[in-house]
Amino acid sequence: MKYMLLIYLDEQGLSETERQECYAESTQLAHEIHSSGQYLAANPLHPISMATSVRVRGGKRLVTDGPFAETREQLGGYFLIEANNLDEAIGIAARIPMARNGTVEVRPVIDMPGLPTE
């Protein structure tokens, strides 16, 4: 089963050096889970200052700068993995560097038939 590991953190909580160390550690983790066949994708996201939210209400498109909601932690990146079960996915989530400073949300992915494949 596929799991999306959503990484939430306080964007202002890391220095540039800490951020680069986190990227290096995350890259190493990606290589480790790739070698076990569990890696599908991973990337950090640009800061929320670069985010745009889109909603459609009453047939009208509403575009606003920034995230939809103000929160203490922001979505900062993700890992998309293949795991046999939730416990295995949680084990990988616990190895993500930002789990030590932020939150990693583990969500099973619904495989929708008819979507394009690689």
PDB file of N, CA and C in Angstrom:
ATOM      1  N   MET A   1       0.841  -1.177   0.000  1.00  0.00           N
ATOM      2  CA  MET A   1       0.000   0.000   0.000  1.00  0.00           C
ATOM      3  C   MET A   1       0.888   1.242   0.000  1.00  0.00           C
ATOM      4  N   LYS A   2       0.433   2.271  -0.670  1.00  0.00           N
ATOM      5  CA  LYS A   2       1.161   3.539  -0.687  1.00  0.00           C
ATOM      6  C   LYS A   2       0.738   4.388   0.507  1.00  0.00           C
ATOM      7  N   TYR A   3       1.739   5.097   1.053  1.00  0.00           N
ATOM      8  CA  TYR A   3       1.487   6.025   2.152  1.00  0.00           C
ATOM      9  C   TYR A   3       2.144   7.354   1.822  1.00  0.00           C
ATOM     10  N   MET A   4       1.441   8.436   2.109  1.00  0.00           N
ATOM     11  CA  MET A   4       1.995   9.779   1.999  1.00  0.00           C
ATOM     12  C   MET A   4       2.387  10.197   3.406  1.00  0.00           C
ATOM     13  N   LEU A   5       3.651  10.550   3.561  1.00  0.00           N
ATOM     14  CA  LEU A   5       4.162  11.021   4.836  1.00  0.00           C
ATOM     15  C   LEU A   5       4.323  12.530   4.702  1.00  0.00           C
ATOM     16  N   LEU A   6       3.397  13.265   5.301  1.00  0.00           N
ATOM     17  CA  LEU A   6       3.351  14.722   5.180  1.00  0.00           C
ATOM     18  C   LEU A   6       4.118  15.340   6.339  1.00  0.00           C
ATOM     19  N   ILE A   7       5.095  16.167   6.017  1.00  0.00           N
ATOM     20  CA  ILE A   7       5.998  16.717   7.019  1.00  0.00           C
ATOM     21  C   ILE A   7       5.593  18.147   7.353  1.00  0.00           C
ATOM     22  N   TYR A   8       5.202  18.368   8.610  1.00  0.00           N
ATOM     23  CA  TYR A   8       4.793  19.687   9.081  1.00  0.00           C
ATOM     24  C   TYR A   8       5.849  20.234  10.033  1.00  0.00           C
ATOM     25  N   LEU A   9       6.165  21.508   9.883  1.00  0.00           N
ATOM     26  CA  LEU A   9       7.172  22.131  10.729  1.00  0.00           C
ATOM     27  C   LEU A   9       6.931  23.625  10.808  1.00  0.00           C
ATOM     28  N   ASP A  10       7.568  24.240  11.792  1.00  0.00           N
ATOM     29  CA  ASP A  10       7.584  25.695  11.876  1.00  0.00           C
ATOM     30  C   ASP A  10       8.692  26.164  10.948  1.00  0.00           C
ATOM     31  N   GLU A  11       8.318  26.793   9.839  1.00  0.00           N
ATOM     32  CA  GLU A  11       9.307  27.220   8.842  1.00  0.00           C
ATOM     33  C   GLU A  11      10.406  28.094   9.427  1.00  0.00           C
ATOM     34  N   GLN A  12      10.080  28.871  10.428  1.00  0.00           N
ATOM     35  CA  GLN A  12      11.044  29.780  11.030  1.00  0.00           C
ATOM     36  C   GLN A  12      11.877  29.091  12.101  1.00  0.00           C
ATOM     37  N   GLY A  13      11.603  27.819  12.376  1.00  0.00           N
ATOM     38  CA  GLY A  13      12.252  27.104  13.460  1.00  0.00           C
ATOM     39  C   GLY A  13      13.622  26.542  13.138  1.00  0.00           C
ATOM     40  N   LEU A  14      14.066  26.629  11.876  1.00  0.00           N
ATOM     41  CA  LEU A  14      15.362  26.076  11.484  1.00  0.00           C
ATOM     42  C   LEU A  14      16.254  27.162  10.903  1.00  0.00           C
ATOM     43  N   SER A  15      17.510  27.099  11.254  1.00  0.00           N
ATOM     44  CA  SER A  15      18.487  27.981  10.598  1.00  0.00           C
ATOM     45  C   SER A  15      18.765  27.390   9.219  1.00  0.00           C
ATOM     46  N   GLU A  16      19.434  28.144   8.366  1.00  0.00           N
ATOM     47  CA  GLU A  16      19.770  27.630   7.032  1.00  0.00           C
ATOM     48  C   GLU A  16      20.697  26.421   7.141  1.00  0.00           C
ATOM     49  N   THR A  17      21.607  26.439   8.085  1.00  0.00           N
ATOM     50  CA  THR A  17      22.506  25.298   8.302  1.00  0.00           C
ATOM     51  C   THR A  17      21.715  24.069   8.728  1.00  0.00           C
ATOM     52  N   GLU A  18      20.778  24.242   9.666  1.00  0.00           N
ATOM     53  CA  GLU A  18      19.945  23.117  10.115  1.00  0.00           C
ATOM     54  C   GLU A  18      19.088  22.587   8.969  1.00  0.00           C
ATOM     55  N   ARG A  19      18.573  23.485   8.133  1.00  0.00           N
ATOM     56  CA  ARG A  19      17.752  23.082   6.985  1.00  0.00           C
ATOM     57  C   ARG A  19      18.578  22.229   6.014  1.00  0.00           C
ATOM     58  N   GLN A  20      19.797  22.668   5.721  1.00  0.00           N
ATOM     59  CA  GLN A  20      20.659  21.916   4.813  1.00  0.00           C
ATOM     60  C   GLN A  20      21.039  20.558   5.400  1.00  0.00           C
ATOM     61  N   GLU A  21      21.278  20.501   6.703  1.00  0.00           N
ATOM     62  CA  GLU A  21      21.569  19.225   7.367  1.00  0.00           C
ATOM     63  C   GLU A  21      20.359  18.296   7.274  1.00  0.00           C
ATOM     64  N   CYS A  22      19.172  18.855   7.448  1.00  0.00           N
ATOM     65  CA  CYS A  22      17.936  18.075   7.335  1.00  0.00           C
ATOM     66  C   CYS A  22      17.782  17.529   5.911  1.00  0.00           C
ATOM     67  N   TYR A  23      18.054  18.348   4.904  1.00  0.00           N
ATOM     68  CA  TYR A  23      17.979  17.898   3.511  1.00  0.00           C
ATOM     69  C   TYR A  23      18.954  16.754   3.262  1.00  0.00           C
ATOM     70  N   ALA A  24      20.167  16.874   3.789  1.00  0.00           N
ATOM     71  CA  ALA A  24      21.172  15.824   3.591  1.00  0.00           C
ATOM     72  C   ALA A  24      20.736  14.523   4.260  1.00  0.00           C
ATOM     73  N   GLU A  25      20.217  14.639   5.475  1.00  0.00           N
ATOM     74  CA  GLU A  25      19.758  13.448   6.197  1.00  0.00           C
ATOM     75  C   GLU A  25      18.540  12.826   5.511  1.00  0.00           C
ATOM     76  N   SER A  26      17.648  13.660   5.006  1.00  0.00           N
ATOM     77  CA  SER A  26      16.465  13.165   4.297  1.00  0.00           C
ATOM     78  C   SER A  26      16.858  12.462   2.995  1.00  0.00           C
ATOM     79  N   THR A  27      17.864  13.009   2.314  1.00  0.00           N
ATOM     80  CA  THR A  27      18.356  12.381   1.087  1.00  0.00           C
ATOM     81  C   THR A  27      18.923  10.999   1.390  1.00  0.00           C
ATOM     82  N   GLN A  28      19.676  10.892   2.482  1.00  0.00           N
ATOM     83  CA  GLN A  28      20.223   9.598   2.892  1.00  0.00           C
ATOM     84  C   GLN A  28      19.093   8.615   3.185  1.00  0.00           C
ATOM     85  N   LEU A  29      18.067   9.056   3.893  1.00  0.00           N
ATOM     86  CA  LEU A  29      16.919   8.198   4.186  1.00  0.00           C
ATOM     87  C   LEU A  29      16.250   7.748   2.890  1.00  0.00           C
ATOM     88  N   ALA A  30      16.093   8.663   1.944  1.00  0.00           N
ATOM     89  CA  ALA A  30      15.478   8.316   0.654  1.00  0.00           C
ATOM     90  C   ALA A  30      16.270   7.209  -0.034  1.00  0.00           C
ATOM     91  N   HIS A  31      17.595   7.293   0.001  1.00  0.00           N
ATOM     92  CA  HIS A  31      18.433   6.246  -0.602  1.00  0.00           C
ATOM     93  C   HIS A  31      18.268   4.921   0.132  1.00  0.00           C
ATOM     94  N   GLU A  32      18.168   4.973   1.450  1.00  0.00           N
ATOM     95  CA  GLU A  32      17.998   3.751   2.233  1.00  0.00           C
ATOM     96  C   GLU A  32      16.668   3.063   1.916  1.00  0.00           C
ATOM     97  N   ILE A  33      15.573   3.835   1.883  1.00  0.00           N
ATOM     98  CA  ILE A  33      14.288   3.186   1.612  1.00  0.00           C
ATOM     99  C   ILE A  33      14.148   2.846   0.123  1.00  0.00           C
ATOM    100  N   HIS A  34      14.903   3.530  -0.728  1.00  0.00           N
ATOM    101  CA  HIS A  34      14.928   3.154  -2.150  1.00  0.00           C
ATOM    102  C   HIS A  34      15.552   1.770  -2.312  1.00  0.00           C
ATOM    103  N   SER A  35      16.617   1.508  -1.568  1.00  0.00           N
ATOM    104  CA  SER A  35      17.292   0.216  -1.687  1.00  0.00           C
ATOM    105  C   SER A  35      16.413  -0.931  -1.198  1.00  0.00           C
ATOM    106  N   SER A  36      15.424  -0.644  -0.358  1.00  0.00           N
ATOM    107  CA  SER A  36      14.498  -1.682   0.103  1.00  0.00           C
ATOM    108  C   SER A  36      13.227  -1.724  -0.748  1.00  0.00           C
ATOM    109  N   GLY A  37      13.166  -0.871  -1.793  1.00  0.00           N
ATOM    110  CA  GLY A  37      12.013  -0.877  -2.694  1.00  0.00           C
ATOM    111  C   GLY A  37      10.805  -0.116  -2.184  1.00  0.00           C
ATOM    112  N   GLN A  38      10.981   0.691  -1.147  1.00  0.00           N
ATOM    113  CA  GLN A  38       9.840   1.384  -0.556  1.00  0.00           C
ATOM    114  C   GLN A  38       9.719   2.841  -0.981  1.00  0.00           C
ATOM    115  N   TYR A  39      10.758   3.393  -1.563  1.00  0.00           N
ATOM    116  CA  TYR A  39      10.760   4.806  -1.952  1.00  0.00           C
ATOM    117  C   TYR A  39       9.991   4.999  -3.256  1.00  0.00           C
ATOM    118  N   LEU A  40       9.095   5.986  -3.268  1.00  0.00           N
ATOM    119  CA  LEU A  40       8.392   6.365  -4.491  1.00  0.00           C
ATOM    120  C   LEU A  40       8.715   7.805  -4.882  1.00  0.00           C
ATOM    121  N   ALA A  41       8.760   8.716  -3.905  1.00  0.00           N
ATOM    122  CA  ALA A  41       9.067  10.123  -4.179  1.00  0.00           C
ATOM    123  C   ALA A  41       9.256  10.854  -2.856  1.00  0.00           C
ATOM    124  N   ALA A  42       9.950  11.987  -2.919  1.00  0.00           N
ATOM    125  CA  ALA A  42      10.109  12.854  -1.746  1.00  0.00           C
ATOM    126  C   ALA A  42      10.623  14.203  -2.217  1.00  0.00           C
ATOM    127  N   ASN A  43      10.184  15.262  -1.559  1.00  0.00           N
ATOM    128  CA  ASN A  43      10.686  16.599  -1.850  1.00  0.00           C
ATOM    129  C   ASN A  43      10.293  17.551  -0.738  1.00  0.00           C
ATOM    130  N   PRO A  44      11.162  18.521  -0.443  1.00  0.00           N
ATOM    131  CA  PRO A  44      10.744  19.621   0.416  1.00  0.00           C
ATOM    132  C   PRO A  44       9.937  20.606  -0.426  1.00  0.00           C
ATOM    133  N   LEU A  45       9.172  21.442   0.239  1.00  0.00           N
ATOM    134  CA  LEU A  45       8.380  22.463  -0.443  1.00  0.00           C
ATOM    135  C   LEU A  45       8.978  23.838  -0.170  1.00  0.00           C
ATOM    136  N   HIS A  46       8.761  24.754  -1.093  1.00  0.00           N
ATOM    137  CA  HIS A  46       9.168  26.144  -0.873  1.00  0.00           C
ATOM    138  C   HIS A  46       8.350  26.708   0.288  1.00  0.00           C
ATOM    139  N   PRO A  47       8.784  27.810   0.885  1.00  0.00           N
ATOM    140  CA  PRO A  47       8.078  28.396   2.028  1.00  0.00           C
ATOM    141  C   PRO A  47       6.644  28.810   1.674  1.00  0.00           C
ATOM    142  N   ILE A  48       5.830  28.956   2.717  1.00  0.00           N
ATOM    143  CA  ILE A  48       4.423  29.326   2.498  1.00  0.00           C
ATOM    144  C   ILE A  48       4.286  30.686   1.836  1.00  0.00           C
ATOM    145  N   SER A  49       5.319  31.522   1.912  1.00  0.00           N
ATOM    146  CA  SER A  49       5.259  32.819   1.244  1.00  0.00           C
ATOM    147  C   SER A  49       5.142  32.650  -0.277  1.00  0.00           C
ATOM    148  N   MET A  50       5.469  31.474  -0.783  1.00  0.00           N
ATOM    149  CA  MET A  50       5.366  31.205  -2.224  1.00  0.00           C
ATOM    150  C   MET A  50       4.101  30.424  -2.564  1.00  0.00           C
ATOM    151  N   ALA A  51       3.294  30.118  -1.561  1.00  0.00           N
ATOM    152  CA  ALA A  51       2.081  29.322  -1.773  1.00  0.00           C
ATOM    153  C   ALA A  51       0.943  30.168  -2.328  1.00  0.00           C
ATOM    154  N   THR A  52       0.092  29.523  -3.077  1.00  0.00           N
ATOM    155  CA  THR A  52      -1.134  30.119  -3.587  1.00  0.00           C
ATOM    156  C   THR A  52      -2.266  29.143  -3.333  1.00  0.00           C
ATOM    157  N   SER A  53      -3.370  29.631  -2.797  1.00  0.00           N
ATOM    158  CA  SER A  53      -4.538  28.776  -2.547  1.00  0.00           C
ATOM    159  C   SER A  53      -5.624  29.089  -3.571  1.00  0.00           C
ATOM    160  N   VAL A  54      -6.251  28.041  -4.077  1.00  0.00           N
ATOM    161  CA  VAL A  54      -7.304  28.173  -5.084  1.00  0.00           C
ATOM    162  C   VAL A  54      -8.569  27.496  -4.558  1.00  0.00           C
ATOM    163  N   ARG A  55      -9.676  28.220  -4.619  1.00  0.00           N
ATOM    164  CA  ARG A  55     -10.985  27.664  -4.276  1.00  0.00           C
ATOM    165  C   ARG A  55     -11.961  28.073  -5.371  1.00  0.00           C
ATOM    166  N   VAL A  56     -12.950  27.242  -5.587  1.00  0.00           N
ATOM    167  CA  VAL A  56     -14.021  27.592  -6.513  1.00  0.00           C
ATOM    168  C   VAL A  56     -15.316  27.587  -5.710  1.00  0.00           C
ATOM    169  N   ARG A  57     -15.992  28.732  -5.686  1.00  0.00           N
ATOM    170  CA  ARG A  57     -17.247  28.885  -4.942  1.00  0.00           C
ATOM    171  C   ARG A  57     -18.260  29.525  -5.877  1.00  0.00           C
ATOM    172  N   GLY A  58     -19.402  28.897  -6.006  1.00  0.00           N
ATOM    173  CA  GLY A  58     -20.444  29.440  -6.882  1.00  0.00           C
ATOM    174  C   GLY A  58     -19.968  29.591  -8.309  1.00  0.00           C
ATOM    175  N   GLY A  59     -19.078  28.697  -8.746  1.00  0.00           N
ATOM    176  CA  GLY A  59     -18.561  28.746 -10.107  1.00  0.00           C
ATOM    177  C   GLY A  59     -17.480  29.792 -10.326  1.00  0.00           C
ATOM    178  N   LYS A  60     -17.091  30.504  -9.266  1.00  0.00           N
ATOM    179  CA  LYS A  60     -16.054  31.528  -9.399  1.00  0.00           C
ATOM    180  C   LYS A  60     -14.764  31.064  -8.728  1.00  0.00           C
ATOM    181  N   ARG A  61     -13.669  31.284  -9.419  1.00  0.00           N
ATOM    182  CA  ARG A  61     -12.356  30.918  -8.904  1.00  0.00           C
ATOM    183  C   ARG A  61     -11.852  32.014  -7.975  1.00  0.00           C
ATOM    184  N   LEU A  62     -11.444  31.618  -6.765  1.00  0.00           N
ATOM    185  CA  LEU A  62     -10.889  32.541  -5.784  1.00  0.00           C
ATOM    186  C   LEU A  62      -9.431  32.148  -5.558  1.00  0.00           C
ATOM    187  N   VAL A  63      -8.521  33.051  -5.829  1.00  0.00           N
ATOM    188  CA  VAL A  63      -7.089  32.794  -5.683  1.00  0.00           C
ATOM    189  C   VAL A  63      -6.539  33.738  -4.628  1.00  0.00           C
ATOM    190  N   THR A  64      -5.875  33.177  -3.621  1.00  0.00           N
ATOM    191  CA  THR A  64      -5.279  33.991  -2.567  1.00  0.00           C
ATOM    192  C   THR A  64      -3.831  33.564  -2.343  1.00  0.00           C
ATOM    193  N   ASP A  65      -3.024  34.504  -1.888  1.00  0.00           N
ATOM    194  CA  ASP A  65      -1.646  34.188  -1.546  1.00  0.00           C
ATOM    195  C   ASP A  65      -1.616  33.417  -0.241  1.00  0.00           C
ATOM    196  N   GLY A  66      -0.647  32.528  -0.134  1.00  0.00           N
ATOM    197  CA  GLY A  66      -0.421  31.818   1.116  1.00  0.00           C
ATOM    198  C   GLY A  66      -1.267  30.580   1.281  1.00  0.00           C
ATOM    199  N   PRO A  67      -1.090  29.924   2.428  1.00  0.00           N
ATOM    200  CA  PRO A  67      -1.832  28.694   2.706  1.00  0.00           C
ATOM    201  C   PRO A  67      -3.284  29.000   3.046  1.00  0.00           C
ATOM    202  N   PHE A  68      -4.095  27.971   3.040  1.00  0.00           N
ATOM    203  CA  PHE A  68      -5.520  28.119   3.319  1.00  0.00           C
ATOM    204  C   PHE A  68      -5.762  28.563   4.754  1.00  0.00           C
ATOM    205  N   ALA A  69      -5.005  28.008   5.707  1.00  0.00           N
ATOM    206  CA  ALA A  69      -5.234  28.315   7.117  1.00  0.00           C
ATOM    207  C   ALA A  69      -3.928  28.712   7.798  1.00  0.00           C
ATOM    208  N   GLU A  70      -4.044  29.599   8.752  1.00  0.00           N
ATOM    209  CA  GLU A  70      -2.884  29.973   9.561  1.00  0.00           C
ATOM    210  C   GLU A  70      -2.717  28.921  10.651  1.00  0.00           C
ATOM    211  N   THR A  71      -1.546  28.329  10.735  1.00  0.00           N
ATOM    212  CA  THR A  71      -1.268  27.325  11.750  1.00  0.00           C
ATOM    213  C   THR A  71       0.142  27.528  12.288  1.00  0.00           C
ATOM    214  N   ARG A  72       0.433  26.889  13.410  1.00  0.00           N
ATOM    215  CA  ARG A  72       1.765  26.981  13.989  1.00  0.00           C
ATOM    216  C   ARG A  72       2.781  26.225  13.138  1.00  0.00           C
ATOM    217  N   GLU A  73       2.363  25.117  12.537  1.00  0.00           N
ATOM    218  CA  GLU A  73       3.234  24.330  11.673  1.00  0.00           C
ATOM    219  C   GLU A  73       2.691  24.377  10.250  1.00  0.00           C
ATOM    220  N   GLN A  74       3.600  24.370   9.293  1.00  0.00           N
ATOM    221  CA  GLN A  74       3.214  24.418   7.890  1.00  0.00           C
ATOM    222  C   GLN A  74       3.685  23.140   7.203  1.00  0.00           C
ATOM    223  N   LEU A  75       2.979  22.777   6.122  1.00  0.00           N
ATOM    224  CA  LEU A  75       3.395  21.636   5.319  1.00  0.00           C
ATOM    225  C   LEU A  75       4.712  22.002   4.652  1.00  0.00           C
ATOM    226  N   GLY A  76       5.760  21.243   4.947  1.00  0.00           N
ATOM    227  CA  GLY A  76       7.087  21.592   4.453  1.00  0.00           C
ATOM    228  C   GLY A  76       7.668  20.606   3.466  1.00  0.00           C
ATOM    229  N   GLY A  77       7.038  19.439   3.330  1.00  0.00           N
ATOM    230  CA  GLY A  77       7.556  18.444   2.408  1.00  0.00           C
ATOM    231  C   GLY A  77       6.813  17.133   2.560  1.00  0.00           C
ATOM    232  N   TYR A  78       7.288  16.132   1.837  1.00  0.00           N
ATOM    233  CA  TYR A  78       6.616  14.839   1.867  1.00  0.00           C
ATOM    234  C   TYR A  78       7.550  13.719   1.436  1.00  0.00           C
ATOM    235  N   PHE A  79       7.202  12.527   1.836  1.00  0.00           N
ATOM    236  CA  PHE A  79       7.745  11.287   1.285  1.00  0.00           C
ATOM    237  C   PHE A  79       6.539  10.494   0.815  1.00  0.00           C
ATOM    238  N   LEU A  80       6.611   9.909  -0.347  1.00  0.00           N
ATOM    239  CA  LEU A  80       5.610   8.962  -0.828  1.00  0.00           C
ATOM    240  C   LEU A  80       6.300   7.615  -0.821  1.00  0.00           C
ATOM    241  N   ILE A  81       5.742   6.680  -0.058  1.00  0.00           N
ATOM    242  CA  ILE A  81       6.403   5.388   0.128  1.00  0.00           C
ATOM    243  C   ILE A  81       5.461   4.230  -0.160  1.00  0.00           C
ATOM    244  N   GLU A  82       6.029   3.070  -0.280  1.00  0.00           N
ATOM    245  CA  GLU A  82       5.293   1.809  -0.365  1.00  0.00           C
ATOM    246  C   GLU A  82       5.607   1.065   0.925  1.00  0.00           C
ATOM    247  N   ALA A  83       4.591   0.638   1.642  1.00  0.00           N
ATOM    248  CA  ALA A  83       4.789  -0.110   2.887  1.00  0.00           C
ATOM    249  C   ALA A  83       3.751  -1.223   2.978  1.00  0.00           C
ATOM    250  N   ASN A  84       4.099  -2.282   3.676  1.00  0.00           N
ATOM    251  CA  ASN A  84       3.188  -3.421   3.817  1.00  0.00           C
ATOM    252  C   ASN A  84       1.998  -3.112   4.710  1.00  0.00           C
ATOM    253  N   ASN A  85       2.198  -2.194   5.670  1.00  0.00           N
ATOM    254  CA  ASN A  85       1.117  -1.876   6.601  1.00  0.00           C
ATOM    255  C   ASN A  85       1.422  -0.553   7.295  1.00  0.00           C
ATOM    256  N   LEU A  86       0.481  -0.107   8.111  1.00  0.00           N
ATOM    257  CA  LEU A  86       0.628   1.173   8.809  1.00  0.00           C
ATOM    258  C   LEU A  86       1.840   1.174   9.736  1.00  0.00           C
ATOM    259  N   ASP A  87       2.074   0.081  10.439  1.00  0.00           N
ATOM    260  CA  ASP A  87       3.218   0.033  11.355  1.00  0.00           C
ATOM    261  C   ASP A  87       4.535   0.246  10.615  1.00  0.00           C
ATOM    262  N   GLU A  88       4.660  -0.362   9.449  1.00  0.00           N
ATOM    263  CA  GLU A  88       5.878  -0.186   8.657  1.00  0.00           C
ATOM    264  C   GLU A  88       6.012   1.270   8.197  1.00  0.00           C
ATOM    265  N   ALA A  89       4.897   1.876   7.782  1.00  0.00           N
ATOM    266  CA  ALA A  89       4.903   3.287   7.362  1.00  0.00           C
ATOM    267  C   ALA A  89       5.273   4.197   8.527  1.00  0.00           C
ATOM    268  N   ILE A  90       4.758   3.899   9.708  1.00  0.00           N
ATOM    269  CA  ILE A  90       5.087   4.688  10.902  1.00  0.00           C
ATOM    270  C   ILE A  90       6.573   4.566  11.216  1.00  0.00           C
ATOM    271  N   GLY A  91       7.127   3.381  11.038  1.00  0.00           N
ATOM    272  CA  GLY A  91       8.555   3.183  11.268  1.00  0.00           C
ATOM    273  C   GLY A  91       9.403   4.063  10.365  1.00  0.00           C
ATOM    274  N   ILE A  92       9.008   4.184   9.105  1.00  0.00           N
ATOM    275  CA  ILE A  92       9.734   5.053   8.178  1.00  0.00           C
ATOM    276  C   ILE A  92       9.516   6.516   8.554  1.00  0.00           C
ATOM    277  N   ALA A  93       8.278   6.876   8.888  1.00  0.00           N
ATOM    278  CA  ALA A  93       7.978   8.260   9.276  1.00  0.00           C
ATOM    279  C   ALA A  93       8.828   8.695  10.462  1.00  0.00           C
ATOM    280  N   ALA A  94       9.059   7.799  11.397  1.00  0.00           N
ATOM    281  CA  ALA A  94       9.846   8.128  12.586  1.00  0.00           C
ATOM    282  C   ALA A  94      11.315   8.381  12.244  1.00  0.00           C
ATOM    283  N   ARG A  95      11.764   7.913  11.081  1.00  0.00           N
ATOM    284  CA  ARG A  95      13.154   8.112  10.652  1.00  0.00           C
ATOM    285  C   ARG A  95      13.348   9.431   9.903  1.00  0.00           C
ATOM    286  N   ILE A  96      12.266  10.106   9.545  1.00  0.00           N
ATOM    287  CA  ILE A  96      12.366  11.389   8.847  1.00  0.00           C
ATOM    288  C   ILE A  96      12.914  12.420   9.835  1.00  0.00           C
ATOM    289  N   PRO A  97      13.965  13.143   9.455  1.00  0.00           N
ATOM    290  CA  PRO A  97      14.605  14.071  10.396  1.00  0.00           C
ATOM    291  C   PRO A  97      13.636  15.051  11.060  1.00  0.00           C
ATOM    292  N   MET A  98      12.687  15.576  10.330  1.00  0.00           N
ATOM    293  CA  MET A  98      11.783  16.581  10.900  1.00  0.00           C
ATOM    294  C   MET A  98      10.802  15.997  11.907  1.00  0.00           C
ATOM    295  N   ALA A  99      10.738  14.678  12.029  1.00  0.00           N
ATOM    296  CA  ALA A  99       9.896  14.082  13.073  1.00  0.00           C
ATOM    297  C   ALA A  99      10.427  14.477  14.455  1.00  0.00           C
ATOM    298  N   ARG A 100      11.702  14.836  14.525  1.00  0.00           N
ATOM    299  CA  ARG A 100      12.299  15.247  15.799  1.00  0.00           C
ATOM    300  C   ARG A 100      11.923  16.681  16.175  1.00  0.00           C
ATOM    301  N   ASN A 101      11.569  17.511  15.197  1.00  0.00           N
ATOM    302  CA  ASN A 101      11.264  18.927  15.460  1.00  0.00           C
ATOM    303  C   ASN A 101       9.831  19.299  15.120  1.00  0.00           C
ATOM    304  N   GLY A 102       9.219  18.555  14.230  1.00  0.00           N
ATOM    305  CA  GLY A 102       7.871  18.879  13.767  1.00  0.00           C
ATOM    306  C   GLY A 102       6.966  17.673  13.905  1.00  0.00           C
ATOM    307  N   THR A 103       6.111  17.477  12.915  1.00  0.00           N
ATOM    308  CA  THR A 103       5.139  16.391  12.911  1.00  0.00           C
ATOM    309  C   THR A 103       5.150  15.733  11.544  1.00  0.00           C
ATOM    310  N   VAL A 104       5.078  14.414  11.518  1.00  0.00           N
ATOM    311  CA  VAL A 104       4.923  13.691  10.263  1.00  0.00           C
ATOM    312  C   VAL A 104       3.571  12.988  10.304  1.00  0.00           C
ATOM    313  N   GLU A 105       2.686  13.396   9.419  1.00  0.00           N
ATOM    314  CA  GLU A 105       1.357  12.786   9.308  1.00  0.00           C
ATOM    315  C   GLU A 105       1.439  11.632   8.315  1.00  0.00           C
ATOM    316  N   VAL A 106       0.958  10.469   8.701  1.00  0.00           N
ATOM    317  CA  VAL A 106       0.978   9.274   7.858  1.00  0.00           C
ATOM    318  C   VAL A 106      -0.430   9.046   7.316  1.00  0.00           C
ATOM    319  N   ARG A 107      -0.566   9.071   5.989  1.00  0.00           N
ATOM    320  CA  ARG A 107      -1.883   8.902   5.369  1.00  0.00           C
ATOM    321  C   ARG A 107      -1.817   7.857   4.270  1.00  0.00           C
ATOM    322  N   PRO A 108      -2.683   6.842   4.321  1.00  0.00           N
ATOM    323  CA  PRO A 108      -2.733   5.887   3.216  1.00  0.00           C
ATOM    324  C   PRO A 108      -3.251   6.586   1.959  1.00  0.00           C
ATOM    325  N   VAL A 109      -2.726   6.178   0.824  1.00  0.00           N
ATOM    326  CA  VAL A 109      -3.116   6.749  -0.469  1.00  0.00           C
ATOM    327  C   VAL A 109      -4.135   5.820  -1.112  1.00  0.00           C
ATOM    328  N   ILE A 110      -5.204   6.391  -1.633  1.00  0.00           N
ATOM    329  CA  ILE A 110      -6.216   5.610  -2.355  1.00  0.00           C
ATOM    330  C   ILE A 110      -5.751   5.451  -3.791  1.00  0.00           C
ATOM    331  N   ASP A 111      -5.623   4.228  -4.242  1.00  0.00           N
ATOM    332  CA  ASP A 111      -5.293   3.976  -5.647  1.00  0.00           C
ATOM    333  C   ASP A 111      -6.576   4.091  -6.458  1.00  0.00           C
ATOM    334  N   MET A 112      -6.685   5.172  -7.233  1.00  0.00           N
ATOM    335  CA  MET A 112      -7.874   5.399  -8.052  1.00  0.00           C
ATOM    336  C   MET A 112      -7.660   4.812  -9.430  1.00  0.00           C
ATOM    337  N   PRO A 113      -8.540   3.925  -9.860  1.00  0.00           N
ATOM    338  CA  PRO A 113      -8.410   3.379 -11.208  1.00  0.00           C
ATOM    339  C   PRO A 113      -8.636   4.472 -12.252  1.00  0.00           C
ATOM    340  N   GLY A 114      -7.941   4.335 -13.372  1.00  0.00           N
ATOM    341  CA  GLY A 114      -8.127   5.263 -14.474  1.00  0.00           C
ATOM    342  C   GLY A 114      -7.173   6.431 -14.496  1.00  0.00           C
ATOM    343  N   LEU A 115      -6.378   6.608 -13.438  1.00  0.00           N
ATOM    344  CA  LEU A 115      -5.409   7.706 -13.429  1.00  0.00           C
ATOM    345  C   LEU A 115      -4.213   7.320 -14.304  1.00  0.00           C
ATOM    346  N   PRO A 116      -3.537   8.317 -14.872  1.00  0.00           N
ATOM    347  CA  PRO A 116      -2.361   8.002 -15.688  1.00  0.00           C
ATOM    348  C   PRO A 116      -1.273   7.331 -14.841  1.00  0.00           C
ATOM    349  N   THR A 117      -0.510   6.495 -15.467  1.00  0.00           N
ATOM    350  CA  THR A 117       0.630   5.855 -14.803  1.00  0.00           C
ATOM    351  C   THR A 117       1.888   6.261 -15.537  1.00  0.00           C
ATOM    352  N   GLU A 118       3.021   5.914 -14.982  1.00  0.00           N
ATOM    353  CA  GLU A 118       4.309   6.290 -15.604  1.00  0.00           C
ATOM    354  C   GLU A 118       4.451   5.760 -16.991  1.00  0.00           C
TER     355      GLU A 118
END
